[in-house]
Amino acid sequence: PTTFLDKLAYWTVKSLRFPTDVFFQRRYGCRAMMLETVAAVPGMVG
């Protein structure tokens, strides 16, 4: 990240990772399920 928008995007995503780590811990199967329900949204919106 170099520009302001880059840094805003980077730290927004990093801030979202902490509660995800706390909630799912090492339950990677359910973590993947949650990740994909969110990851499928941006392409459709864009």
PDB file of all heavy atoms in Angstrom:
ATOM      1  N   PRO A   1       0.832  -1.213   0.000  1.00  0.00           N
ATOM      2  CA  PRO A   1       0.000   0.000   0.000  1.00  0.00           C
ATOM      3  C   PRO A   1       0.864   1.261   0.000  1.00  0.00           C
ATOM      4  O   PRO A   1       1.749   1.410   0.841  1.00  0.00           O
ATOM      5  CB  PRO A   1      -0.812  -0.124   1.296  1.00  0.00           C
ATOM      6  CG  PRO A   1      -0.025  -1.048   2.167  1.00  0.00           C
ATOM      7  CD  PRO A   1       0.688  -1.992   1.252  1.00  0.00           C
ATOM      8  N   THR A   2       0.586   2.135  -0.949  1.00  0.00           N
ATOM      9  CA  THR A   2       1.355   3.380  -1.060  1.00  0.00           C
ATOM     10  C   THR A   2       0.458   4.606  -0.927  1.00  0.00           C
ATOM     11  O   THR A   2       0.763   5.531  -0.177  1.00  0.00           O
ATOM     12  CB  THR A   2       2.100   3.433  -2.405  1.00  0.00           C
ATOM     13  OG1 THR A   2       1.157   3.206  -3.478  1.00  0.00           O
ATOM     14  CG2 THR A   2       3.185   2.355  -2.467  1.00  0.00           C
ATOM     15  N   THR A   3      -0.659   4.622  -1.660  1.00  0.00           N
ATOM     16  CA  THR A   3      -1.562   5.764  -1.606  1.00  0.00           C
ATOM     17  C   THR A   3      -2.484   5.673  -0.398  1.00  0.00           C
ATOM     18  O   THR A   3      -2.539   4.637   0.295  1.00  0.00           O
ATOM     19  CB  THR A   3      -2.422   5.837  -2.884  1.00  0.00           C
ATOM     20  OG1 THR A   3      -3.304   4.712  -2.921  1.00  0.00           O
ATOM     21  CG2 THR A   3      -1.540   5.815  -4.132  1.00  0.00           C
ATOM     22  N   PHE A   4      -3.229   6.737  -0.155  1.00  0.00           N
ATOM     23  CA  PHE A   4      -4.171   6.759   0.966  1.00  0.00           C
ATOM     24  C   PHE A   4      -5.237   5.680   0.807  1.00  0.00           C
ATOM     25  O   PHE A   4      -5.579   4.978   1.767  1.00  0.00           O
ATOM     26  CB  PHE A   4      -4.839   8.136   1.064  1.00  0.00           C
ATOM     27  CG  PHE A   4      -5.978   8.181   2.048  1.00  0.00           C
ATOM     28  CD1 PHE A   4      -5.739   8.198   3.421  1.00  0.00           C
ATOM     29  CD2 PHE A   4      -7.298   8.172   1.597  1.00  0.00           C
ATOM     30  CE1 PHE A   4      -6.794   8.208   4.327  1.00  0.00           C
ATOM     31  CE2 PHE A   4      -8.354   8.192   2.501  1.00  0.00           C
ATOM     32  CZ  PHE A   4      -8.102   8.216   3.864  1.00  0.00           C
ATOM     33  N   LEU A   5      -5.755   5.537  -0.431  1.00  0.00           N
ATOM     34  CA  LEU A   5      -6.789   4.526  -0.666  1.00  0.00           C
ATOM     35  C   LEU A   5      -6.245   3.120  -0.449  1.00  0.00           C
ATOM     36  O   LEU A   5      -6.938   2.248   0.088  1.00  0.00           O
ATOM     37  CB  LEU A   5      -7.346   4.663  -2.088  1.00  0.00           C
ATOM     38  CG  LEU A   5      -8.240   5.874  -2.361  1.00  0.00           C
ATOM     39  CD1 LEU A   5      -8.737   5.855  -3.803  1.00  0.00           C
ATOM     40  CD2 LEU A   5      -9.415   5.920  -1.397  1.00  0.00           C
ATOM     41  N   ASP A   6      -4.998   2.904  -0.860  1.00  0.00           N
ATOM     42  CA  ASP A   6      -4.366   1.600  -0.631  1.00  0.00           C
ATOM     43  C   ASP A   6      -4.312   1.281   0.862  1.00  0.00           C
ATOM     44  O   ASP A   6      -4.663   0.176   1.294  1.00  0.00           O
ATOM     45  CB  ASP A   6      -2.947   1.585  -1.192  1.00  0.00           C
ATOM     46  CG  ASP A   6      -2.923   1.518  -2.706  1.00  0.00           C
ATOM     47  OD1 ASP A   6      -4.000   1.381  -3.312  1.00  0.00           O
ATOM     48  OD2 ASP A   6      -1.827   1.592  -3.282  1.00  0.00           O
ATOM     49  N   LYS A   7      -3.845   2.246   1.622  1.00  0.00           N
ATOM     50  CA  LYS A   7      -3.693   2.027   3.062  1.00  0.00           C
ATOM     51  C   LYS A   7      -5.052   1.867   3.750  1.00  0.00           C
ATOM     52  O   LYS A   7      -5.191   1.046   4.666  1.00  0.00           O
ATOM     53  CB  LYS A   7      -2.919   3.194   3.684  1.00  0.00           C
ATOM     54  CG  LYS A   7      -1.472   3.277   3.198  1.00  0.00           C
ATOM     55  CD  LYS A   7      -0.755   4.488   3.766  1.00  0.00           C
ATOM     56  CE  LYS A   7       0.679   4.556   3.247  1.00  0.00           C
ATOM     57  NZ  LYS A   7       1.402   5.751   3.751  1.00  0.00           N
ATOM     58  N   LEU A   8      -6.043   2.621   3.277  1.00  0.00           N
ATOM     59  CA  LEU A   8      -7.392   2.486   3.840  1.00  0.00           C
ATOM     60  C   LEU A   8      -7.937   1.084   3.579  1.00  0.00           C
ATOM     61  O   LEU A   8      -8.490   0.439   4.490  1.00  0.00           O
ATOM     62  CB  LEU A   8      -8.316   3.533   3.217  1.00  0.00           C
ATOM     63  CG  LEU A   8      -9.792   3.480   3.657  1.00  0.00           C
ATOM     64  CD1 LEU A   8      -9.916   3.687   5.160  1.00  0.00           C
ATOM     65  CD2 LEU A   8     -10.612   4.530   2.900  1.00  0.00           C
ATOM     66  N   ALA A   9      -7.753   0.592   2.353  1.00  0.00           N
ATOM     67  CA  ALA A   9      -8.219  -0.755   2.009  1.00  0.00           C
ATOM     68  C   ALA A   9      -7.472  -1.814   2.817  1.00  0.00           C
ATOM     69  O   ALA A   9      -8.075  -2.753   3.337  1.00  0.00           O
ATOM     70  CB  ALA A   9      -8.035  -0.995   0.510  1.00  0.00           C
ATOM     71  N   TYR A  10      -6.160  -1.650   2.921  1.00  0.00           N
ATOM     72  CA  TYR A  10      -5.319  -2.637   3.607  1.00  0.00           C
ATOM     73  C   TYR A  10      -5.695  -2.765   5.076  1.00  0.00           C
ATOM     74  O   TYR A  10      -5.918  -3.879   5.587  1.00  0.00           O
ATOM     75  CB  TYR A  10      -3.853  -2.244   3.472  1.00  0.00           C
ATOM     76  CG  TYR A  10      -2.894  -3.178   4.158  1.00  0.00           C
ATOM     77  CD1 TYR A  10      -2.542  -4.392   3.571  1.00  0.00           C
ATOM     78  CD2 TYR A  10      -2.324  -2.853   5.388  1.00  0.00           C
ATOM     79  CE1 TYR A  10      -1.660  -5.259   4.184  1.00  0.00           C
ATOM     80  CE2 TYR A  10      -1.444  -3.712   6.018  1.00  0.00           C
ATOM     81  CZ  TYR A  10      -1.107  -4.912   5.411  1.00  0.00           C
ATOM     82  OH  TYR A  10      -0.228  -5.764   6.038  1.00  0.00           O
ATOM     83  N   TRP A  11      -5.814  -1.640   5.762  1.00  0.00           N
ATOM     84  CA  TRP A  11      -6.093  -1.703   7.199  1.00  0.00           C
ATOM     85  C   TRP A  11      -7.553  -2.031   7.496  1.00  0.00           C
ATOM     86  O   TRP A  11      -7.874  -2.568   8.569  1.00  0.00           O
ATOM     87  CB  TRP A  11      -5.682  -0.393   7.872  1.00  0.00           C
ATOM     88  CG  TRP A  11      -4.194  -0.257   7.941  1.00  0.00           C
ATOM     89  CD1 TRP A  11      -3.398   0.610   7.255  1.00  0.00           C
ATOM     90  CD2 TRP A  11      -3.309  -1.078   8.724  1.00  0.00           C
ATOM     91  NE1 TRP A  11      -2.070   0.385   7.545  1.00  0.00           N
ATOM     92  CE2 TRP A  11      -1.988  -0.636   8.449  1.00  0.00           C
ATOM     93  CE3 TRP A  11      -3.497  -2.136   9.611  1.00  0.00           C
ATOM     94  CZ2 TRP A  11      -0.875  -1.222   9.045  1.00  0.00           C
ATOM     95  CZ3 TRP A  11      -2.390  -2.713  10.206  1.00  0.00           C
ATOM     96  CH2 TRP A  11      -1.099  -2.256   9.920  1.00  0.00           C
ATOM     97  N   THR A  12      -8.445  -1.741   6.554  1.00  0.00           N
ATOM     98  CA  THR A  12      -9.834  -2.174   6.703  1.00  0.00           C
ATOM     99  C   THR A  12      -9.913  -3.694   6.719  1.00  0.00           C
ATOM    100  O   THR A  12     -10.583  -4.297   7.576  1.00  0.00           O
ATOM    101  CB  THR A  12     -10.705  -1.626   5.560  1.00  0.00           C
ATOM    102  OG1 THR A  12     -10.718  -0.190   5.618  1.00  0.00           O
ATOM    103  CG2 THR A  12     -12.133  -2.149   5.669  1.00  0.00           C
ATOM    104  N   VAL A  13      -9.206  -4.312   5.775  1.00  0.00           N
ATOM    105  CA  VAL A  13      -9.197  -5.777   5.700  1.00  0.00           C
ATOM    106  C   VAL A  13      -8.504  -6.377   6.920  1.00  0.00           C
ATOM    107  O   VAL A  13      -8.970  -7.370   7.496  1.00  0.00           O
ATOM    108  CB  VAL A  13      -8.519  -6.246   4.401  1.00  0.00           C
ATOM    109  CG1 VAL A  13      -8.323  -7.762   4.406  1.00  0.00           C
ATOM    110  CG2 VAL A  13      -9.344  -5.824   3.194  1.00  0.00           C
ATOM    111  N   LYS A  14      -7.386  -5.798   7.338  1.00  0.00           N
ATOM    112  CA  LYS A  14      -6.666  -6.305   8.509  1.00  0.00           C
ATOM    113  C   LYS A  14      -7.528  -6.225   9.761  1.00  0.00           C
ATOM    114  O   LYS A  14      -7.475  -7.122  10.619  1.00  0.00           O
ATOM    115  CB  LYS A  14      -5.369  -5.509   8.710  1.00  0.00           C
ATOM    116  CG  LYS A  14      -4.258  -5.869   7.750  1.00  0.00           C
ATOM    117  CD  LYS A  14      -3.788  -7.302   7.951  1.00  0.00           C
ATOM    118  CE  LYS A  14      -2.612  -7.646   7.068  1.00  0.00           C
ATOM    119  NZ  LYS A  14      -2.193  -9.075   7.215  1.00  0.00           N
ATOM    120  N   SER A  15      -8.323  -5.167   9.870  1.00  0.00           N
ATOM    121  CA  SER A  15      -9.187  -5.021  11.049  1.00  0.00           C
ATOM    122  C   SER A  15     -10.294  -6.065  11.059  1.00  0.00           C
ATOM    123  O   SER A  15     -10.793  -6.454  12.121  1.00  0.00           O
ATOM    124  CB  SER A  15      -9.796  -3.615  11.092  1.00  0.00           C
ATOM    125  OG  SER A  15     -10.680  -3.408  10.007  1.00  0.00           O
ATOM    126  N   LEU A  16     -10.686  -6.539   9.865  1.00  0.00           N
ATOM    127  CA  LEU A  16     -11.727  -7.558   9.787  1.00  0.00           C
ATOM    128  C   LEU A  16     -11.195  -8.948  10.120  1.00  0.00           C
ATOM    129  O   LEU A  16     -11.968  -9.845  10.483  1.00  0.00           O
ATOM    130  CB  LEU A  16     -12.336  -7.575   8.377  1.00  0.00           C
ATOM    131  CG  LEU A  16     -13.118  -6.321   7.961  1.00  0.00           C
ATOM    132  CD1 LEU A  16     -13.545  -6.439   6.503  1.00  0.00           C
ATOM    133  CD2 LEU A  16     -14.333  -6.110   8.857  1.00  0.00           C
ATOM    134  N   ARG A  17      -9.901  -9.130  10.001  1.00  0.00           N
ATOM    135  CA  ARG A  17      -9.329 -10.446  10.233  1.00  0.00           C
ATOM    136  C   ARG A  17      -9.340 -10.818  11.724  1.00  0.00           C
ATOM    137  O   ARG A  17      -9.541 -11.995  12.070  1.00  0.00           O
ATOM    138  CB  ARG A  17      -7.894 -10.491   9.708  1.00  0.00           C
ATOM    139  CG  ARG A  17      -7.208 -11.822   9.946  1.00  0.00           C
ATOM    140  CD  ARG A  17      -5.830 -11.862   9.377  1.00  0.00           C
ATOM    141  NE  ARG A  17      -5.103 -13.045   9.820  1.00  0.00           N
ATOM    142  CZ  ARG A  17      -3.866 -13.328   9.466  1.00  0.00           C
ATOM    143  NH1 ARG A  17      -3.203 -12.522   8.656  1.00  0.00           N
ATOM    144  NH2 ARG A  17      -3.278 -14.415   9.919  1.00  0.00           N
ATOM    145  N   PHE A  18      -9.140  -9.847  12.593  1.00  0.00           N
ATOM    146  CA  PHE A  18      -9.037 -10.146  14.032  1.00  0.00           C
ATOM    147  C   PHE A  18     -10.295 -10.822  14.572  1.00  0.00           C
ATOM    148  O   PHE A  18     -10.203 -11.899  15.192  1.00  0.00           O
ATOM    149  CB  PHE A  18      -8.732  -8.873  14.820  1.00  0.00           C
ATOM    150  CG  PHE A  18      -8.706  -9.082  16.307  1.00  0.00           C
ATOM    151  CD1 PHE A  18      -7.639  -9.737  16.914  1.00  0.00           C
ATOM    152  CD2 PHE A  18      -9.762  -8.643  17.103  1.00  0.00           C
ATOM    153  CE1 PHE A  18      -7.622  -9.958  18.287  1.00  0.00           C
ATOM    154  CE2 PHE A  18      -9.753  -8.848  18.470  1.00  0.00           C
ATOM    155  CZ  PHE A  18      -8.677  -9.508  19.064  1.00  0.00           C
ATOM    156  N   PRO A  19     -11.511 -10.250  14.381  1.00  0.00           N
ATOM    157  CA  PRO A  19     -12.696 -10.935  14.915  1.00  0.00           C
ATOM    158  C   PRO A  19     -12.931 -12.295  14.260  1.00  0.00           C
ATOM    159  O   PRO A  19     -13.460 -13.211  14.901  1.00  0.00           O
ATOM    160  CB  PRO A  19     -13.842  -9.965  14.606  1.00  0.00           C
ATOM    161  CG  PRO A  19     -13.320  -9.089  13.521  1.00  0.00           C
ATOM    162  CD  PRO A  19     -11.861  -8.966  13.752  1.00  0.00           C
ATOM    163  N   THR A  20     -12.507 -12.436  13.000  1.00  0.00           N
ATOM    164  CA  THR A  20     -12.659 -13.734  12.324  1.00  0.00           C
ATOM    165  C   THR A  20     -11.775 -14.786  12.981  1.00  0.00           C
ATOM    166  O   THR A  20     -12.199 -15.929  13.206  1.00  0.00           O
ATOM    167  CB  THR A  20     -12.288 -13.602  10.835  1.00  0.00           C
ATOM    168  OG1 THR A  20     -13.095 -12.583  10.229  1.00  0.00           O
ATOM    169  CG2 THR A  20     -12.518 -14.917  10.098  1.00  0.00           C
ATOM    170  N   ASP A  21     -10.521 -14.403  13.304  1.00  0.00           N
ATOM    171  CA  ASP A  21      -9.606 -15.326  13.973  1.00  0.00           C
ATOM    172  C   ASP A  21     -10.133 -15.727  15.348  1.00  0.00           C
ATOM    173  O   ASP A  21     -10.036 -16.893  15.751  1.00  0.00           O
ATOM    174  CB  ASP A  21      -8.221 -14.681  14.128  1.00  0.00           C
ATOM    175  CG  ASP A  21      -7.490 -14.565  12.796  1.00  0.00           C
ATOM    176  OD1 ASP A  21      -7.871 -15.275  11.856  1.00  0.00           O
ATOM    177  OD2 ASP A  21      -6.528 -13.767  12.706  1.00  0.00           O
ATOM    178  N   VAL A  22     -10.703 -14.761  16.056  1.00  0.00           N
ATOM    179  CA  VAL A  22     -11.212 -15.038  17.396  1.00  0.00           C
ATOM    180  C   VAL A  22     -12.420 -15.964  17.338  1.00  0.00           C
ATOM    181  O   VAL A  22     -12.536 -16.919  18.130  1.00  0.00           O
ATOM    182  CB  VAL A  22     -11.594 -13.720  18.112  1.00  0.00           C
ATOM    183  CG1 VAL A  22     -12.327 -14.010  19.421  1.00  0.00           C
ATOM    184  CG2 VAL A  22     -10.351 -12.884  18.369  1.00  0.00           C
ATOM    185  N   PHE A  23     -13.302 -15.735  16.386  1.00  0.00           N
ATOM    186  CA  PHE A  23     -14.549 -16.499  16.309  1.00  0.00           C
ATOM    187  C   PHE A  23     -14.320 -17.929  15.824  1.00  0.00           C
ATOM    188  O   PHE A  23     -14.797 -18.885  16.436  1.00  0.00           O
ATOM    189  CB  PHE A  23     -15.544 -15.791  15.391  1.00  0.00           C
ATOM    190  CG  PHE A  23     -16.911 -16.409  15.390  1.00  0.00           C
ATOM    191  CD1 PHE A  23     -17.837 -16.081  16.358  1.00  0.00           C
ATOM    192  CD2 PHE A  23     -17.270 -17.335  14.415  1.00  0.00           C
ATOM    193  CE1 PHE A  23     -19.105 -16.661  16.363  1.00  0.00           C
ATOM    194  CE2 PHE A  23     -18.523 -17.919  14.408  1.00  0.00           C
ATOM    195  CZ  PHE A  23     -19.443 -17.580  15.384  1.00  0.00           C
ATOM    196  N   PHE A  24     -13.585 -18.082  14.716  1.00  0.00           N
ATOM    197  CA  PHE A  24     -13.435 -19.411  14.119  1.00  0.00           C
ATOM    198  C   PHE A  24     -12.210 -20.163  14.612  1.00  0.00           C
ATOM    199  O   PHE A  24     -12.167 -21.389  14.548  1.00  0.00           O
ATOM    200  CB  PHE A  24     -13.372 -19.294  12.589  1.00  0.00           C
ATOM    201  CG  PHE A  24     -14.681 -18.928  11.962  1.00  0.00           C
ATOM    202  CD1 PHE A  24     -14.919 -17.637  11.525  1.00  0.00           C
ATOM    203  CD2 PHE A  24     -15.684 -19.864  11.823  1.00  0.00           C
ATOM    204  CE1 PHE A  24     -16.127 -17.291  10.947  1.00  0.00           C
ATOM    205  CE2 PHE A  24     -16.908 -19.536  11.259  1.00  0.00           C
ATOM    206  CZ  PHE A  24     -17.125 -18.235  10.810  1.00  0.00           C
ATOM    207  N   GLN A  25     -11.195 -19.423  15.082  1.00  0.00           N
ATOM    208  CA  GLN A  25      -9.956 -20.038  15.542  1.00  0.00           C
ATOM    209  C   GLN A  25      -9.421 -20.998  14.466  1.00  0.00           C
ATOM    210  O   GLN A  25      -9.093 -20.578  13.380  1.00  0.00           O
ATOM    211  CB  GLN A  25     -10.182 -20.714  16.885  1.00  0.00           C
ATOM    212  CG  GLN A  25     -10.588 -19.727  17.979  1.00  0.00           C
ATOM    213  CD  GLN A  25     -10.791 -20.347  19.330  1.00  0.00           C
ATOM    214  OE1 GLN A  25     -10.603 -21.539  19.530  1.00  0.00           O
ATOM    215  NE2 GLN A  25     -11.161 -19.527  20.304  1.00  0.00           N
ATOM    216  N   ARG A  26      -9.355 -22.300  14.764  1.00  0.00           N
ATOM    217  CA  ARG A  26      -8.801 -23.243  13.779  1.00  0.00           C
ATOM    218  C   ARG A  26      -9.868 -24.122  13.115  1.00  0.00           C
ATOM    219  O   ARG A  26      -9.548 -25.163  12.554  1.00  0.00           O
ATOM    220  CB  ARG A  26      -7.731 -24.120  14.449  1.00  0.00           C
ATOM    221  CG  ARG A  26      -6.524 -23.314  14.917  1.00  0.00           C
ATOM    222  CD  ARG A  26      -5.396 -24.201  15.370  1.00  0.00           C
ATOM    223  NE  ARG A  26      -4.238 -23.422  15.760  1.00  0.00           N
ATOM    224  CZ  ARG A  26      -3.335 -22.930  14.928  1.00  0.00           C
ATOM    225  NH1 ARG A  26      -3.449 -23.143  13.633  1.00  0.00           N
ATOM    226  NH2 ARG A  26      -2.313 -22.217  15.379  1.00  0.00           N
ATOM    227  N   ARG A  27     -11.105 -23.666  13.149  1.00  0.00           N
ATOM    228  CA  ARG A  27     -12.173 -24.389  12.440  1.00  0.00           C
ATOM    229  C   ARG A  27     -12.182 -23.901  10.992  1.00  0.00           C
ATOM    230  O   ARG A  27     -13.022 -23.113  10.568  1.00  0.00           O
ATOM    231  CB  ARG A  27     -13.516 -24.157  13.114  1.00  0.00           C
ATOM    232  CG  ARG A  27     -13.570 -24.675  14.554  1.00  0.00           C
ATOM    233  CD  ARG A  27     -14.958 -24.588  15.119  1.00  0.00           C
ATOM    234  NE  ARG A  27     -15.880 -25.486  14.444  1.00  0.00           N
ATOM    235  CZ  ARG A  27     -17.084 -25.103  14.003  1.00  0.00           C
ATOM    236  NH1 ARG A  27     -17.489 -23.860  14.142  1.00  0.00           N
ATOM    237  NH2 ARG A  27     -17.868 -25.977  13.402  1.00  0.00           N
ATOM    238  N   TYR A  28     -11.200 -24.382  10.224  1.00  0.00           N
ATOM    239  CA  TYR A  28     -10.969 -23.830   8.892  1.00  0.00           C
ATOM    240  C   TYR A  28     -12.061 -24.193   7.895  1.00  0.00           C
ATOM    241  O   TYR A  28     -12.256 -23.473   6.904  1.00  0.00           O
ATOM    242  CB  TYR A  28      -9.600 -24.276   8.370  1.00  0.00           C
ATOM    243  CG  TYR A  28      -8.465 -23.583   9.084  1.00  0.00           C
ATOM    244  CD1 TYR A  28      -7.724 -24.243  10.061  1.00  0.00           C
ATOM    245  CD2 TYR A  28      -8.165 -22.259   8.812  1.00  0.00           C
ATOM    246  CE1 TYR A  28      -6.699 -23.592  10.734  1.00  0.00           C
ATOM    247  CE2 TYR A  28      -7.147 -21.598   9.470  1.00  0.00           C
ATOM    248  CZ  TYR A  28      -6.412 -22.276  10.432  1.00  0.00           C
ATOM    249  OH  TYR A  28      -5.404 -21.629  11.106  1.00  0.00           O
ATOM    250  N   GLY A  29     -12.753 -25.288   8.084  1.00  0.00           N
ATOM    251  CA  GLY A  29     -13.845 -25.628   7.192  1.00  0.00           C
ATOM    252  C   GLY A  29     -14.961 -24.601   7.260  1.00  0.00           C
ATOM    253  O   GLY A  29     -15.412 -24.074   6.238  1.00  0.00           O
ATOM    254  N   CYS A  30     -15.399 -24.274   8.480  1.00  0.00           N
ATOM    255  CA  CYS A  30     -16.443 -23.259   8.664  1.00  0.00           C
ATOM    256  C   CYS A  30     -15.918 -21.866   8.347  1.00  0.00           C
ATOM    257  O   CYS A  30     -16.658 -21.000   7.869  1.00  0.00           O
ATOM    258  CB  CYS A  30     -16.982 -23.311  10.088  1.00  0.00           C
ATOM    259  SG  CYS A  30     -17.992 -24.780  10.415  1.00  0.00           S
ATOM    260  N   ARG A  31     -14.643 -21.646   8.609  1.00  0.00           N
ATOM    261  CA  ARG A  31     -14.025 -20.362   8.266  1.00  0.00           C
ATOM    262  C   ARG A  31     -14.081 -20.153   6.754  1.00  0.00           C
ATOM    263  O   ARG A  31     -14.383 -19.052   6.278  1.00  0.00           O
ATOM    264  CB  ARG A  31     -12.575 -20.352   8.757  1.00  0.00           C
ATOM    265  CG  ARG A  31     -11.855 -19.015   8.567  1.00  0.00           C
ATOM    266  CD  ARG A  31     -10.378 -19.191   8.863  1.00  0.00           C
ATOM    267  NE  ARG A  31      -9.653 -17.949   8.811  1.00  0.00           N
ATOM    268  CZ  ARG A  31      -9.195 -17.299   9.864  1.00  0.00           C
ATOM    269  NH1 ARG A  31      -9.407 -17.783  11.075  1.00  0.00           N
ATOM    270  NH2 ARG A  31      -8.533 -16.167   9.722  1.00  0.00           N
ATOM    271  N   ALA A  32     -13.778 -21.212   6.002  1.00  0.00           N
ATOM    272  CA  ALA A  32     -13.833 -21.130   4.540  1.00  0.00           C
ATOM    273  C   ALA A  32     -15.257 -20.856   4.069  1.00  0.00           C
ATOM    274  O   ALA A  32     -15.489 -20.071   3.138  1.00  0.00           O
ATOM    275  CB  ALA A  32     -13.306 -22.424   3.918  1.00  0.00           C
ATOM    276  N   MET A  33     -16.230 -21.507   4.731  1.00  0.00           N
ATOM    277  CA  MET A  33     -17.624 -21.290   4.379  1.00  0.00           C
ATOM    278  C   MET A  33     -18.007 -19.822   4.557  1.00  0.00           C
ATOM    279  O   MET A  33     -18.611 -19.216   3.672  1.00  0.00           O
ATOM    280  CB  MET A  33     -18.516 -22.187   5.238  1.00  0.00           C
ATOM    281  CG  MET A  33     -19.985 -22.033   4.943  1.00  0.00           C
ATOM    282  SD  MET A  33     -21.108 -21.692   6.296  1.00  0.00           S
ATOM    283  CE  MET A  33     -20.197 -21.214   7.696  1.00  0.00           C
ATOM    284  N   MET A  34     -17.628 -19.237   5.679  1.00  0.00           N
ATOM    285  CA  MET A  34     -17.917 -17.830   5.931  1.00  0.00           C
ATOM    286  C   MET A  34     -17.203 -16.933   4.919  1.00  0.00           C
ATOM    287  O   MET A  34     -17.785 -15.992   4.359  1.00  0.00           O
ATOM    288  CB  MET A  34     -17.481 -17.459   7.348  1.00  0.00           C
ATOM    289  CG  MET A  34     -17.493 -15.963   7.645  1.00  0.00           C
ATOM    290  SD  MET A  34     -19.125 -15.237   7.531  1.00  0.00           S
ATOM    291  CE  MET A  34     -19.844 -15.891   9.034  1.00  0.00           C
ATOM    292  N   LEU A  35     -15.938 -17.237   4.654  1.00  0.00           N
ATOM    293  CA  LEU A  35     -15.144 -16.441   3.726  1.00  0.00           C
ATOM    294  C   LEU A  35     -15.784 -16.396   2.349  1.00  0.00           C
ATOM    295  O   LEU A  35     -15.870 -15.333   1.721  1.00  0.00           O
ATOM    296  CB  LEU A  35     -13.727 -17.023   3.639  1.00  0.00           C
ATOM    297  CG  LEU A  35     -12.758 -16.347   2.663  1.00  0.00           C
ATOM    298  CD1 LEU A  35     -12.456 -14.929   3.110  1.00  0.00           C
ATOM    299  CD2 LEU A  35     -11.467 -17.149   2.553  1.00  0.00           C
ATOM    300  N   GLU A  36     -16.260 -17.556   1.882  1.00  0.00           N
ATOM    301  CA  GLU A  36     -16.802 -17.616   0.524  1.00  0.00           C
ATOM    302  C   GLU A  36     -18.154 -16.931   0.401  1.00  0.00           C
ATOM    303  O   GLU A  36     -18.503 -16.435  -0.668  1.00  0.00           O
ATOM    304  CB  GLU A  36     -16.894 -19.070   0.056  1.00  0.00           C
ATOM    305  CG  GLU A  36     -15.583 -19.837   0.064  1.00  0.00           C
ATOM    306  CD  GLU A  36     -14.485 -19.183  -0.771  1.00  0.00           C
ATOM    307  OE1 GLU A  36     -14.801 -18.280  -1.576  1.00  0.00           O
ATOM    308  OE2 GLU A  36     -13.315 -19.559  -0.610  1.00  0.00           O
ATOM    309  N   THR A  37     -18.957 -16.904   1.473  1.00  0.00           N
ATOM    310  CA  THR A  37     -20.230 -16.194   1.390  1.00  0.00           C
ATOM    311  C   THR A  37     -20.010 -14.696   1.235  1.00  0.00           C
ATOM    312  O   THR A  37     -20.851 -13.994   0.670  1.00  0.00           O
ATOM    313  CB  THR A  37     -21.093 -16.440   2.643  1.00  0.00           C
ATOM    314  OG1 THR A  37     -20.408 -15.981   3.808  1.00  0.00           O
ATOM    315  CG2 THR A  37     -21.409 -17.921   2.803  1.00  0.00           C
ATOM    316  N   VAL A  38     -18.872 -14.198   1.721  1.00  0.00           N
ATOM    317  CA  VAL A  38     -18.531 -12.789   1.570  1.00  0.00           C
ATOM    318  C   VAL A  38     -17.788 -12.546   0.261  1.00  0.00           C
ATOM    319  O   VAL A  38     -18.052 -11.571  -0.454  1.00  0.00           O
ATOM    320  CB  VAL A  38     -17.674 -12.312   2.770  1.00  0.00           C
ATOM    321  CG1 VAL A  38     -17.144 -10.901   2.528  1.00  0.00           C
ATOM    322  CG2 VAL A  38     -18.484 -12.360   4.057  1.00  0.00           C
ATOM    323  N   ALA A  39     -16.859 -13.449  -0.074  1.00  0.00           N
ATOM    324  CA  ALA A  39     -16.014 -13.260  -1.255  1.00  0.00           C
ATOM    325  C   ALA A  39     -16.805 -13.289  -2.551  1.00  0.00           C
ATOM    326  O   ALA A  39     -16.347 -12.753  -3.573  1.00  0.00           O
ATOM    327  CB  ALA A  39     -14.924 -14.341  -1.289  1.00  0.00           C
ATOM    328  N   ALA A  40     -17.986 -13.903  -2.546  1.00  0.00           N
ATOM    329  CA  ALA A  40     -18.792 -13.975  -3.763  1.00  0.00           C
ATOM    330  C   ALA A  40     -19.607 -12.708  -4.008  1.00  0.00           C
ATOM    331  O   ALA A  40     -20.235 -12.574  -5.056  1.00  0.00           O
ATOM    332  CB  ALA A  40     -19.729 -15.183  -3.702  1.00  0.00           C
ATOM    333  N   VAL A  41     -19.589 -11.771  -3.068  1.00  0.00           N
ATOM    334  CA  VAL A  41     -20.374 -10.543  -3.195  1.00  0.00           C
ATOM    335  C   VAL A  41     -19.723  -9.503  -4.112  1.00  0.00           C
ATOM    336  O   VAL A  41     -20.391  -8.957  -4.997  1.00  0.00           O
ATOM    337  CB  VAL A  41     -20.667  -9.935  -1.804  1.00  0.00           C
ATOM    338  CG1 VAL A  41     -21.256  -8.534  -1.928  1.00  0.00           C
ATOM    339  CG2 VAL A  41     -21.602 -10.837  -1.024  1.00  0.00           C
ATOM    340  N   PRO A  42     -18.423  -9.165  -3.952  1.00  0.00           N
ATOM    341  CA  PRO A  42     -17.830  -8.071  -4.729  1.00  0.00           C
ATOM    342  C   PRO A  42     -17.942  -8.228  -6.243  1.00  0.00           C
ATOM    343  O   PRO A  42     -18.260  -7.262  -6.950  1.00  0.00           O
ATOM    344  CB  PRO A  42     -16.363  -8.079  -4.286  1.00  0.00           C
ATOM    345  CG  PRO A  42     -16.396  -8.658  -2.918  1.00  0.00           C
ATOM    346  CD  PRO A  42     -17.458  -9.693  -2.964  1.00  0.00           C
ATOM    347  N   GLY A  43     -17.691  -9.424  -6.759  1.00  0.00           N
ATOM    348  CA  GLY A  43     -17.771  -9.617  -8.204  1.00  0.00           C
ATOM    349  C   GLY A  43     -19.168  -9.351  -8.733  1.00  0.00           C
ATOM    350  O   GLY A  43     -19.344  -8.750  -9.795  1.00  0.00           O
ATOM    351  N   MET A  44     -20.177  -9.782  -7.990  1.00  0.00           N
ATOM    352  CA  MET A  44     -21.558  -9.561  -8.414  1.00  0.00           C
ATOM    353  C   MET A  44     -21.923  -8.085  -8.350  1.00  0.00           C
ATOM    354  O   MET A  44     -22.561  -7.542  -9.265  1.00  0.00           O
ATOM    355  CB  MET A  44     -22.507 -10.377  -7.528  1.00  0.00           C
ATOM    356  CG  MET A  44     -23.960 -10.310  -7.942  1.00  0.00           C
ATOM    357  SD  MET A  44     -24.254 -10.910  -9.620  1.00  0.00           S
ATOM    358  CE  MET A  44     -23.840 -12.650  -9.445  1.00  0.00           C
ATOM    359  N   VAL A  45     -21.511  -7.400  -7.285  1.00  0.00           N
ATOM    360  CA  VAL A  45     -21.787  -5.968  -7.156  1.00  0.00           C
ATOM    361  C   VAL A  45     -21.079  -5.186  -8.266  1.00  0.00           C
ATOM    362  O   VAL A  45     -21.681  -4.351  -8.946  1.00  0.00           O
ATOM    363  CB  VAL A  45     -21.351  -5.447  -5.773  1.00  0.00           C
ATOM    364  CG1 VAL A  45     -21.424  -3.920  -5.729  1.00  0.00           C
ATOM    365  CG2 VAL A  45     -22.224  -6.045  -4.684  1.00  0.00           C
ATOM    366  N   GLY A  46     -19.779  -5.463  -8.451  1.00  0.00           N
ATOM    367  CA  GLY A  46     -19.024  -4.756  -9.475  1.00  0.00           C
ATOM    368  C   GLY A  46     -19.565  -5.031 -10.868  1.00  0.00           C
ATOM    369  O   GLY A  46     -19.718  -4.104 -11.678  1.00  0.00           O
TER     370      GLY A  46
END
